N, C-alpha and C. Protein backbone atom coordinates (compact mmCIF):
# COMPACT_ATOMS: atom_id res chain seq x y z
N MET A 1 -40.54 9.65 21.19
CA MET A 1 -40.09 10.10 19.73
C MET A 1 -39.65 11.54 19.82
N LYS A 2 -38.65 11.84 19.12
CA LYS A 2 -38.12 12.90 18.95
C LYS A 2 -38.83 13.90 17.69
N THR A 3 -38.94 15.09 18.12
CA THR A 3 -39.52 16.09 17.15
C THR A 3 -38.14 16.93 16.67
N SER A 4 -38.79 16.93 15.12
CA SER A 4 -37.69 18.01 14.49
C SER A 4 -38.21 19.18 14.14
N TYR A 5 -37.08 20.12 14.38
CA TYR A 5 -37.48 21.82 14.32
C TYR A 5 -36.31 22.02 13.19
N THR A 6 -36.89 23.60 12.46
CA THR A 6 -35.80 24.12 11.54
C THR A 6 -35.83 25.36 12.26
N TYR A 7 -34.32 25.63 12.55
CA TYR A 7 -33.98 27.16 12.68
C TYR A 7 -32.99 27.89 11.55
N HIS A 8 -32.88 28.88 11.63
CA HIS A 8 -31.55 29.90 11.01
C HIS A 8 -30.51 29.50 11.59
N ALA A 9 -29.48 29.42 11.27
CA ALA A 9 -28.16 29.58 11.62
C ALA A 9 -27.45 30.98 10.85
N ILE A 10 -27.06 31.79 11.53
CA ILE A 10 -26.39 32.95 11.03
C ILE A 10 -24.73 32.98 11.19
N LEU A 11 -23.74 32.55 10.25
CA LEU A 11 -22.51 32.50 10.10
C LEU A 11 -21.90 33.94 10.02
N GLU A 12 -20.76 34.15 10.78
CA GLU A 12 -20.17 35.51 10.60
C GLU A 12 -18.54 34.66 10.99
N LYS A 13 -17.93 35.20 9.84
CA LYS A 13 -16.19 34.90 9.58
C LYS A 13 -15.70 35.70 10.68
N THR A 14 -14.72 35.42 11.60
CA THR A 14 -14.28 35.77 12.64
C THR A 14 -12.57 35.60 12.36
N GLU A 15 -12.04 36.44 13.32
CA GLU A 15 -10.20 36.23 13.34
C GLU A 15 -10.10 34.70 13.62
N MET A 16 -10.77 34.04 14.53
CA MET A 16 -10.49 32.71 14.65
C MET A 16 -11.23 31.45 14.21
N GLY A 17 -12.02 32.15 13.16
CA GLY A 17 -13.06 30.92 12.55
C GLY A 17 -14.21 31.44 12.40
N TYR A 18 -15.21 30.92 12.86
CA TYR A 18 -16.80 31.39 12.82
C TYR A 18 -17.39 31.54 13.79
N SER A 19 -18.14 32.73 13.90
CA SER A 19 -19.00 32.95 14.90
C SER A 19 -20.56 32.67 14.48
N VAL A 20 -21.34 31.90 15.04
CA VAL A 20 -22.92 31.36 14.68
C VAL A 20 -23.82 31.58 15.63
N HIS A 21 -25.00 32.11 15.27
CA HIS A 21 -26.16 32.20 16.25
C HIS A 21 -27.43 31.95 15.63
N CYS A 22 -28.13 31.44 16.59
CA CYS A 22 -29.93 31.16 15.91
C CYS A 22 -30.45 32.54 16.40
N PRO A 23 -31.08 33.26 15.32
CA PRO A 23 -31.92 34.30 15.80
C PRO A 23 -33.19 34.07 16.62
N GLU A 24 -33.75 32.91 16.25
CA GLU A 24 -35.07 32.53 16.62
C GLU A 24 -34.80 32.42 18.23
N LEU A 25 -33.67 31.91 18.59
CA LEU A 25 -33.33 31.37 20.11
C LEU A 25 -32.49 32.58 20.66
N ARG A 26 -33.02 33.44 21.55
CA ARG A 26 -32.32 34.73 21.76
C ARG A 26 -31.03 34.27 22.80
N GLY A 27 -29.93 34.46 22.51
CA GLY A 27 -28.64 34.20 23.41
C GLY A 27 -28.08 32.93 23.13
N CYS A 28 -28.77 32.30 21.90
CA CYS A 28 -28.29 30.80 21.35
C CYS A 28 -27.03 31.35 20.31
N TRP A 29 -25.80 31.12 20.64
CA TRP A 29 -24.70 31.06 20.06
C TRP A 29 -23.66 30.02 20.32
N SER A 30 -22.76 30.11 19.18
CA SER A 30 -21.62 29.33 19.50
C SER A 30 -20.62 29.71 18.67
N GLN A 31 -19.50 28.72 18.34
CA GLN A 31 -18.55 29.21 17.36
C GLN A 31 -17.64 27.62 16.95
N GLY A 32 -16.85 28.25 16.12
CA GLY A 32 -16.01 26.75 15.08
C GLY A 32 -14.50 27.39 14.84
N ARG A 33 -13.87 26.52 14.22
CA ARG A 33 -12.45 27.07 13.72
C ARG A 33 -12.92 26.72 11.92
N THR A 34 -13.94 26.10 11.65
CA THR A 34 -14.60 26.15 10.19
C THR A 34 -15.80 26.11 10.28
N LYS A 35 -16.47 26.47 8.89
CA LYS A 35 -17.81 26.36 8.95
C LYS A 35 -18.68 25.09 9.68
N GLU A 36 -18.22 24.08 8.94
CA GLU A 36 -18.49 22.73 9.45
C GLU A 36 -18.89 22.75 10.94
N GLU A 37 -17.64 23.00 11.56
CA GLU A 37 -17.32 22.73 13.23
C GLU A 37 -18.70 23.63 13.87
N ALA A 38 -18.83 25.29 13.38
CA ALA A 38 -19.69 26.18 13.83
C ALA A 38 -20.70 25.67 13.60
N LEU A 39 -21.39 25.00 12.60
CA LEU A 39 -22.55 24.44 12.45
C LEU A 39 -23.07 23.26 12.90
N GLU A 40 -21.97 22.37 13.72
CA GLU A 40 -22.24 21.15 14.45
C GLU A 40 -22.32 22.09 15.82
N ASN A 41 -21.74 23.04 16.00
CA ASN A 41 -21.64 23.39 17.69
C ASN A 41 -23.12 23.83 17.73
N ILE A 42 -23.27 24.54 16.80
CA ILE A 42 -24.56 25.44 16.76
C ILE A 42 -26.05 24.55 17.16
N GLN A 43 -25.76 23.22 16.43
CA GLN A 43 -26.77 22.34 16.83
C GLN A 43 -26.71 21.50 18.13
N ASP A 44 -25.70 21.49 18.44
CA ASP A 44 -25.93 21.29 19.95
C ASP A 44 -26.28 22.16 21.12
N ALA A 45 -25.66 23.57 20.98
CA ALA A 45 -26.19 24.73 21.44
C ALA A 45 -27.75 24.49 21.65
N ILE A 46 -28.49 24.49 20.36
CA ILE A 46 -29.85 24.50 20.14
C ILE A 46 -30.56 23.33 20.78
N ARG A 47 -29.92 22.37 20.98
CA ARG A 47 -30.48 21.35 21.67
C ARG A 47 -30.42 21.71 22.99
N THR A 48 -29.32 22.02 23.55
CA THR A 48 -29.29 22.35 24.93
C THR A 48 -30.21 23.26 25.41
N TYR A 49 -30.52 24.44 24.51
CA TYR A 49 -31.18 25.44 24.75
C TYR A 49 -32.71 25.07 25.02
N LEU A 50 -33.17 24.31 24.06
CA LEU A 50 -34.50 23.38 23.73
C LEU A 50 -35.01 22.87 25.10
N ILE A 51 -33.81 21.90 25.58
CA ILE A 51 -34.08 20.99 26.60
C ILE A 51 -34.20 21.79 28.04
N SER A 52 -33.41 23.05 28.29
CA SER A 52 -33.14 23.98 29.24
C SER A 52 -34.62 24.57 28.94
N LEU A 53 -35.24 25.14 27.88
CA LEU A 53 -36.23 25.85 27.77
C LEU A 53 -37.79 24.89 28.13
N ARG A 54 -37.63 23.83 27.76
CA ARG A 54 -38.91 22.97 28.32
C ARG A 54 -38.81 22.64 29.65
N ASP A 55 -37.82 22.42 30.34
CA ASP A 55 -37.62 22.43 31.79
C ASP A 55 -38.39 23.47 32.32
N VAL A 56 -38.00 24.89 32.04
CA VAL A 56 -38.49 25.91 32.59
C VAL A 56 -39.89 26.05 32.51
N LEU A 57 -40.45 25.89 31.30
CA LEU A 57 -41.74 25.91 30.86
C LEU A 57 -42.66 25.03 31.36
N ARG A 58 -42.01 23.88 31.60
CA ARG A 58 -42.81 22.92 32.20
C ARG A 58 -43.69 23.16 33.46
N LYS A 59 -43.14 24.26 34.18
CA LYS A 59 -43.86 24.88 35.29
C LYS A 59 -44.55 26.09 35.15
N LYS A 60 -44.99 26.42 33.79
CA LYS A 60 -45.62 27.75 33.37
C LYS A 60 -47.08 27.40 32.73
N GLU A 61 -47.97 28.06 32.52
CA GLU A 61 -49.07 27.84 31.87
C GLU A 61 -48.82 28.36 30.36
N VAL A 62 -48.80 27.53 29.58
CA VAL A 62 -48.43 27.66 28.22
C VAL A 62 -49.38 27.47 27.05
N HIS A 63 -49.75 28.36 26.21
CA HIS A 63 -50.28 28.01 25.08
C HIS A 63 -49.84 28.13 23.65
N THR A 64 -50.32 27.17 22.76
CA THR A 64 -49.68 26.86 21.22
C THR A 64 -50.71 27.85 20.42
N LEU A 65 -49.77 28.64 19.65
CA LEU A 65 -50.45 29.60 18.84
C LEU A 65 -50.23 29.24 17.18
N ARG A 66 -50.84 29.24 16.39
CA ARG A 66 -50.61 29.33 15.01
C ARG A 66 -50.57 30.71 14.53
N VAL A 67 -49.70 31.44 13.75
CA VAL A 67 -49.63 32.85 13.36
C VAL A 67 -49.21 32.79 11.75
N LEU A 68 -50.03 32.99 10.89
CA LEU A 68 -49.72 32.93 9.49
C LEU A 68 -49.26 34.48 9.07
N ALA A 69 -48.40 34.33 8.34
CA ALA A 69 -47.82 35.93 7.88
C ALA A 69 -47.43 35.75 6.25
């Protein structure tokens, strides 16, 4: 069963289209010629980021914390 997560996508207009990044996931960014393409691309980048992170964390001692702000 797949899990659903919610992330922010920050879009910025560039000379070549749109740059987009996810501030919650350091270094996770993408781009596209249109807003729609950039948002689709960042979804793929986030999936790839999370899969890579899961593989790295599999070998670490990980704790889950809930923080209320």
